Amino acid sequence: MTTDGPTSGDGLRLRSIPSVVDNDRAYWTAGAGGVLRLPFCESCGRWFFPPADTCPACSGPVGFRDTGGTGTVYTFTVNVQRYRPDLPTPYVIALIELDDQAGLRVPGNVVGCEPDDVKIGMRVEVSFEPATSRDEPDGDLFVPVFTPTDSGTGAESGEGRR
């Protein structure tokens, strides 16, 4: 794995993320506590993604709540073109449907396995990689990534086909 780009004090490669703004700061910083924190509508009681100032369903007020951080690979692609120096290829870009709410999907990389081993329906859990942004080069920022669990892949029932 390459170490192109900035590294943390302990030598870990830092991911580069977009500028952090007020309505998504809780998402990018929650990894410090090992939790996936997503926007939650205080009116209709639903999580949503991406972060916004108001709920996209009902325009209600928004807070952030921790999720369980587990789910399944809903769909994915394997990127082989190197667009960013901080992401060695090939890598998996996936939509993960979280267990907390039907239809709640977040994008993320699947790590900890070979790209050819990723299957639709594969069980995953969140982990975090340190990150930096142009505006906060020394900030405590984290990118949620997902690692396979041993609780089933979804492939046994035929769900693992692309």
C-alpha atoms as a PDB file:
ATOM      1  CA  MET A   1       0.000   0.000   0.000  1.00  0.00           C
ATOM      2  CA  THR A   2       1.291   3.426  -0.858  1.00  0.00           C
ATOM      3  CA  THR A   3       1.922   6.203   1.613  1.00  0.00           C
ATOM      4  CA  ASP A   4       1.575   9.023  -0.917  1.00  0.00           C
ATOM      5  CA  GLY A   5       0.169  12.139   0.674  1.00  0.00           C
ATOM      6  CA  PRO A   6       0.125  13.252   4.306  1.00  0.00           C
ATOM      7  CA  THR A   7       0.597  10.849   7.209  1.00  0.00           C
ATOM      8  CA  SER A   8      -0.387  11.021  10.851  1.00  0.00           C
ATOM      9  CA  GLY A   9       2.092  11.197  13.717  1.00  0.00           C
ATOM     10  CA  ASP A  10       2.094   7.387  13.954  1.00  0.00           C
ATOM     11  CA  GLY A  11       2.813   7.010  10.233  1.00  0.00           C
ATOM     12  CA  LEU A  12      -0.702   6.117   9.099  1.00  0.00           C
ATOM     13  CA  ARG A  13      -1.710   7.406   5.672  1.00  0.00           C
ATOM     14  CA  LEU A  14      -4.275  10.224   5.923  1.00  0.00           C
ATOM     15  CA  ARG A  15      -7.201  10.246   3.535  1.00  0.00           C
ATOM     16  CA  SER A  16      -8.011  13.552   1.899  1.00  0.00           C
ATOM     17  CA  ILE A  17     -11.636  14.653   2.263  1.00  0.00           C
ATOM     18  CA  PRO A  18     -13.637  17.668   1.071  1.00  0.00           C
ATOM     19  CA  SER A  19     -13.863  20.797   3.176  1.00  0.00           C
ATOM     20  CA  VAL A  20     -15.755  20.179   6.385  1.00  0.00           C
ATOM     21  CA  VAL A  21     -18.786  22.420   6.945  1.00  0.00           C
ATOM     22  CA  ASP A  22     -21.079  22.876   9.938  1.00  0.00           C
ATOM     23  CA  ASN A  23     -23.798  20.482   8.785  1.00  0.00           C
ATOM     24  CA  ASP A  24     -21.403  17.551   8.249  1.00  0.00           C
ATOM     25  CA  ARG A  25     -18.773  18.096  10.976  1.00  0.00           C
ATOM     26  CA  ALA A  26     -20.342  15.468  13.286  1.00  0.00           C
ATOM     27  CA  TYR A  27     -20.110  12.886  10.478  1.00  0.00           C
ATOM     28  CA  TRP A  28     -16.389  13.477   9.849  1.00  0.00           C
ATOM     29  CA  THR A  29     -15.358  13.698  13.524  1.00  0.00           C
ATOM     30  CA  ALA A  30     -17.389  10.855  15.106  1.00  0.00           C
ATOM     31  CA  GLY A  31     -14.783   8.289  14.086  1.00  0.00           C
ATOM     32  CA  ALA A  32     -12.637   9.496  16.991  1.00  0.00           C
ATOM     33  CA  GLY A  33     -15.118   7.662  19.222  1.00  0.00           C
ATOM     34  CA  GLY A  34     -15.436   4.709  16.855  1.00  0.00           C
ATOM     35  CA  VAL A  35     -19.042   5.448  15.886  1.00  0.00           C
ATOM     36  CA  LEU A  36     -20.816   6.194  12.634  1.00  0.00           C
ATOM     37  CA  ARG A  37     -22.894   9.300  13.369  1.00  0.00           C
ATOM     38  CA  LEU A  38     -25.503  10.335  10.800  1.00  0.00           C
ATOM     39  CA  PRO A  39     -28.057  13.132  10.515  1.00  0.00           C
ATOM     40  CA  PHE A  40     -31.373  12.302  12.177  1.00  0.00           C
ATOM     41  CA  CYS A  41     -34.649  14.152  11.772  1.00  0.00           C
ATOM     42  CA  GLU A  42     -36.107  15.194  15.124  1.00  0.00           C
ATOM     43  CA  SER A  43     -39.611  15.478  13.566  1.00  0.00           C
ATOM     44  CA  CYS A  44     -40.095  12.310  11.516  1.00  0.00           C
ATOM     45  CA  GLY A  45     -37.567  10.190  13.417  1.00  0.00           C
ATOM     46  CA  ARG A  46     -35.501   9.000  10.456  1.00  0.00           C
ATOM     47  CA  TRP A  47     -31.819   8.964   9.624  1.00  0.00           C
ATOM     48  CA  PHE A  48     -30.766  10.279   6.224  1.00  0.00           C
ATOM     49  CA  PHE A  49     -27.623  10.838   4.203  1.00  0.00           C
ATOM     50  CA  PRO A  50     -25.944  13.034   3.016  1.00  0.00           C
ATOM     51  CA  PRO A  51     -26.064  15.652   5.787  1.00  0.00           C
ATOM     52  CA  ALA A  52     -28.310  18.667   5.252  1.00  0.00           C
ATOM     53  CA  ASP A  53     -29.551  21.612   7.306  1.00  0.00           C
ATOM     54  CA  THR A  54     -33.134  20.306   7.308  1.00  0.00           C
ATOM     55  CA  CYS A  55     -34.719  16.901   6.770  1.00  0.00           C
ATOM     56  CA  PRO A  56     -35.126  16.137   3.051  1.00  0.00           C
ATOM     57  CA  ALA A  57     -38.412  14.299   3.758  1.00  0.00           C
ATOM     58  CA  CYS A  58     -40.272  16.721   6.037  1.00  0.00           C
ATOM     59  CA  SER A  59     -38.032  19.822   6.386  1.00  0.00           C
ATOM     60  CA  GLY A  60     -37.839  19.158  10.127  1.00  0.00           C
ATOM     61  CA  PRO A  61     -34.951  20.066  12.415  1.00  0.00           C
ATOM     62  CA  VAL A  62     -31.861  17.895  12.226  1.00  0.00           C
ATOM     63  CA  GLY A  63     -29.518  16.498  14.845  1.00  0.00           C
ATOM     64  CA  PHE A  64     -26.991  13.668  14.711  1.00  0.00           C
ATOM     65  CA  ARG A  65     -27.334  10.204  16.250  1.00  0.00           C
ATOM     66  CA  ASP A  66     -25.015   7.250  16.436  1.00  0.00           C
ATOM     67  CA  THR A  67     -25.831   4.228  14.290  1.00  0.00           C
ATOM     68  CA  GLY A  68     -24.934   0.635  15.032  1.00  0.00           C
ATOM     69  CA  GLY A  69     -22.393   0.750  12.199  1.00  0.00           C
ATOM     70  CA  THR A  70     -23.363  -2.603  10.675  1.00  0.00           C
ATOM     71  CA  GLY A  71     -25.067  -3.403   7.403  1.00  0.00           C
ATOM     72  CA  THR A  72     -24.869  -5.098   4.034  1.00  0.00           C
ATOM     73  CA  VAL A  73     -23.319  -4.230   0.708  1.00  0.00           C
ATOM     74  CA  TYR A  74     -26.273  -2.980  -1.353  1.00  0.00           C
ATOM     75  CA  THR A  75     -24.250  -2.427  -4.550  1.00  0.00           C
ATOM     76  CA  PHE A  76     -20.635  -1.754  -5.440  1.00  0.00           C
ATOM     77  CA  THR A  77     -18.061  -1.159  -8.141  1.00  0.00           C
ATOM     78  CA  VAL A  78     -14.337  -1.762  -8.281  1.00  0.00           C
ATOM     79  CA  ASN A  79     -12.292   1.239  -9.341  1.00  0.00           C
ATOM     80  CA  VAL A  80      -9.059   0.463 -11.188  1.00  0.00           C
ATOM     81  CA  GLN A  81      -8.253   3.997 -12.414  1.00  0.00           C
ATOM     82  CA  ARG A  82      -6.049   5.940 -10.012  1.00  0.00           C
ATOM     83  CA  TYR A  83      -7.708   9.336  -9.651  1.00  0.00           C
ATOM     84  CA  ARG A  84      -6.334  10.193  -6.222  1.00  0.00           C
ATOM     85  CA  PRO A  85      -2.822   9.603  -4.939  1.00  0.00           C
ATOM     86  CA  ASP A  86      -4.106   8.748  -1.443  1.00  0.00           C
ATOM     87  CA  LEU A  87      -6.154   5.763  -2.696  1.00  0.00           C
ATOM     88  CA  PRO A  88      -4.188   2.893  -4.186  1.00  0.00           C
ATOM     89  CA  THR A  89      -6.049   0.875  -6.805  1.00  0.00           C
ATOM     90  CA  PRO A  90      -7.978  -1.284  -7.141  1.00  0.00           C
ATOM     91  CA  TYR A  91     -10.503  -0.281  -4.474  1.00  0.00           C
ATOM     92  CA  VAL A  92     -14.171  -0.918  -3.823  1.00  0.00           C
ATOM     93  CA  ILE A  93     -16.742   1.873  -3.784  1.00  0.00           C
ATOM     94  CA  ALA A  94     -19.972   0.584  -2.245  1.00  0.00           C
ATOM     95  CA  LEU A  95     -23.384   1.650  -1.026  1.00  0.00           C
ATOM     96  CA  ILE A  96     -23.918   0.112   2.391  1.00  0.00           C
ATOM     97  CA  GLU A  97     -27.472  -0.374   3.629  1.00  0.00           C
ATOM     98  CA  LEU A  98     -27.305   0.068   7.378  1.00  0.00           C
ATOM     99  CA  ASP A  99     -29.209  -2.225   9.753  1.00  0.00           C
ATOM    100  CA  ASP A 100     -30.602   0.731  11.709  1.00  0.00           C
ATOM    101  CA  GLN A 101     -33.281   1.663   9.171  1.00  0.00           C
ATOM    102  CA  ALA A 102     -34.606   0.139   5.958  1.00  0.00           C
ATOM    103  CA  GLY A 103     -33.358   2.103   2.953  1.00  0.00           C
ATOM    104  CA  LEU A 104     -30.648   3.981   4.889  1.00  0.00           C
ATOM    105  CA  ARG A 105     -27.634   3.791   2.593  1.00  0.00           C
ATOM    106  CA  VAL A 106     -24.230   5.414   2.879  1.00  0.00           C
ATOM    107  CA  PRO A 107     -21.314   5.324   0.443  1.00  0.00           C
ATOM    108  CA  GLY A 108     -17.993   3.936   1.538  1.00  0.00           C
ATOM    109  CA  ASN A 109     -15.009   1.842   0.642  1.00  0.00           C
ATOM    110  CA  VAL A 110     -14.949  -1.851   1.536  1.00  0.00           C
ATOM    111  CA  VAL A 111     -11.510  -2.669   2.945  1.00  0.00           C
ATOM    112  CA  GLY A 112      -9.908  -5.658   4.612  1.00  0.00           C
ATOM    113  CA  CYS A 113     -10.520  -8.065   1.739  1.00  0.00           C
ATOM    114  CA  GLU A 114      -9.686  -8.434  -1.919  1.00  0.00           C
ATOM    115  CA  PRO A 115     -12.008  -6.489  -4.264  1.00  0.00           C
ATOM    116  CA  ASP A 116     -12.979  -9.764  -5.989  1.00  0.00           C
ATOM    117  CA  ASP A 117     -14.260 -11.105  -2.647  1.00  0.00           C
ATOM    118  CA  VAL A 118     -16.865  -8.346  -2.210  1.00  0.00           C
ATOM    119  CA  LYS A 119     -20.428  -9.502  -2.940  1.00  0.00           C
ATOM    120  CA  ILE A 120     -23.839  -7.874  -2.851  1.00  0.00           C
ATOM    121  CA  GLY A 121     -25.409  -8.847   0.458  1.00  0.00           C
ATOM    122  CA  MET A 122     -22.034  -9.190   2.217  1.00  0.00           C
ATOM    123  CA  ARG A 123     -22.219  -8.273   5.901  1.00  0.00           C
ATOM    124  CA  VAL A 124     -19.953  -5.380   6.899  1.00  0.00           C
ATOM    125  CA  GLU A 125     -19.164  -3.184   9.873  1.00  0.00           C
ATOM    126  CA  VAL A 126     -17.761   0.313  10.044  1.00  0.00           C
ATOM    127  CA  SER A 127     -14.195   1.172  10.900  1.00  0.00           C
ATOM    128  CA  PHE A 128     -12.354   4.439  10.387  1.00  0.00           C
ATOM    129  CA  GLU A 129      -9.276   5.787   8.641  1.00  0.00           C
ATOM    130  CA  PRO A 130      -7.662   9.084   9.682  1.00  0.00           C
ATOM    131  CA  ALA A 131      -8.243  12.001   7.330  1.00  0.00           C
ATOM    132  CA  THR A 132      -7.295  15.562   6.592  1.00  0.00           C
ATOM    133  CA  SER A 133      -8.922  18.352   4.617  1.00  0.00           C
ATOM    134  CA  ARG A 134      -7.566  21.473   2.975  1.00  0.00           C
ATOM    135  CA  ASP A 135      -9.186  23.639   5.654  1.00  0.00           C
ATOM    136  CA  GLU A 136      -8.247  21.379   8.565  1.00  0.00           C
ATOM    137  CA  PRO A 137      -4.910  19.739   7.824  1.00  0.00           C
ATOM    138  CA  ASP A 138      -4.435  18.818  11.491  1.00  0.00           C
ATOM    139  CA  GLY A 139      -8.074  18.169  12.362  1.00  0.00           C
ATOM    140  CA  ASP A 140      -9.377  15.047  14.063  1.00  0.00           C
ATOM    141  CA  LEU A 141     -11.218  13.846  10.966  1.00  0.00           C
ATOM    142  CA  PHE A 142     -12.060  10.270  10.000  1.00  0.00           C
ATOM    143  CA  VAL A 143     -13.357   8.520   6.887  1.00  0.00           C
ATOM    144  CA  PRO A 144     -15.822   5.708   7.570  1.00  0.00           C
ATOM    145  CA  VAL A 145     -14.846   2.520   5.718  1.00  0.00           C
ATOM    146  CA  PHE A 146     -16.437  -0.909   5.952  1.00  0.00           C
ATOM    147  CA  THR A 147     -14.862  -4.282   6.674  1.00  0.00           C
ATOM    148  CA  PRO A 148     -16.416  -7.701   6.105  1.00  0.00           C
ATOM    149  CA  THR A 149     -17.742  -9.580   9.115  1.00  0.00           C
ATOM    150  CA  ASP A 150     -17.985 -13.326   9.477  1.00  0.00           C
ATOM    151  CA  SER A 151     -21.772 -13.313   9.857  1.00  0.00           C
ATOM    152  CA  GLY A 152     -22.526 -14.239   6.263  1.00  0.00           C
ATOM    153  CA  THR A 153     -21.940 -12.800   2.811  1.00  0.00           C
ATOM    154  CA  GLY A 154     -25.393 -13.005   1.297  1.00  0.00           C
ATOM    155  CA  ALA A 155     -23.921 -15.165  -1.473  1.00  0.00           C
ATOM    156  CA  GLU A 156     -25.411 -18.386  -0.077  1.00  0.00           C
ATOM    157  CA  SER A 157     -28.910 -17.310  -1.102  1.00  0.00           C
ATOM    158  CA  GLY A 158     -27.861 -16.103  -4.536  1.00  0.00           C
ATOM    159  CA  GLU A 159     -27.818 -12.444  -3.481  1.00  0.00           C
ATOM    160  CA  GLY A 160     -24.093 -12.147  -4.174  1.00  0.00           C
ATOM    161  CA  ARG A 161     -24.378 -11.706  -7.940  1.00  0.00           C
ATOM    162  CA  ARG A 162     -23.546  -8.327  -9.446  1.00  0.00           C
END
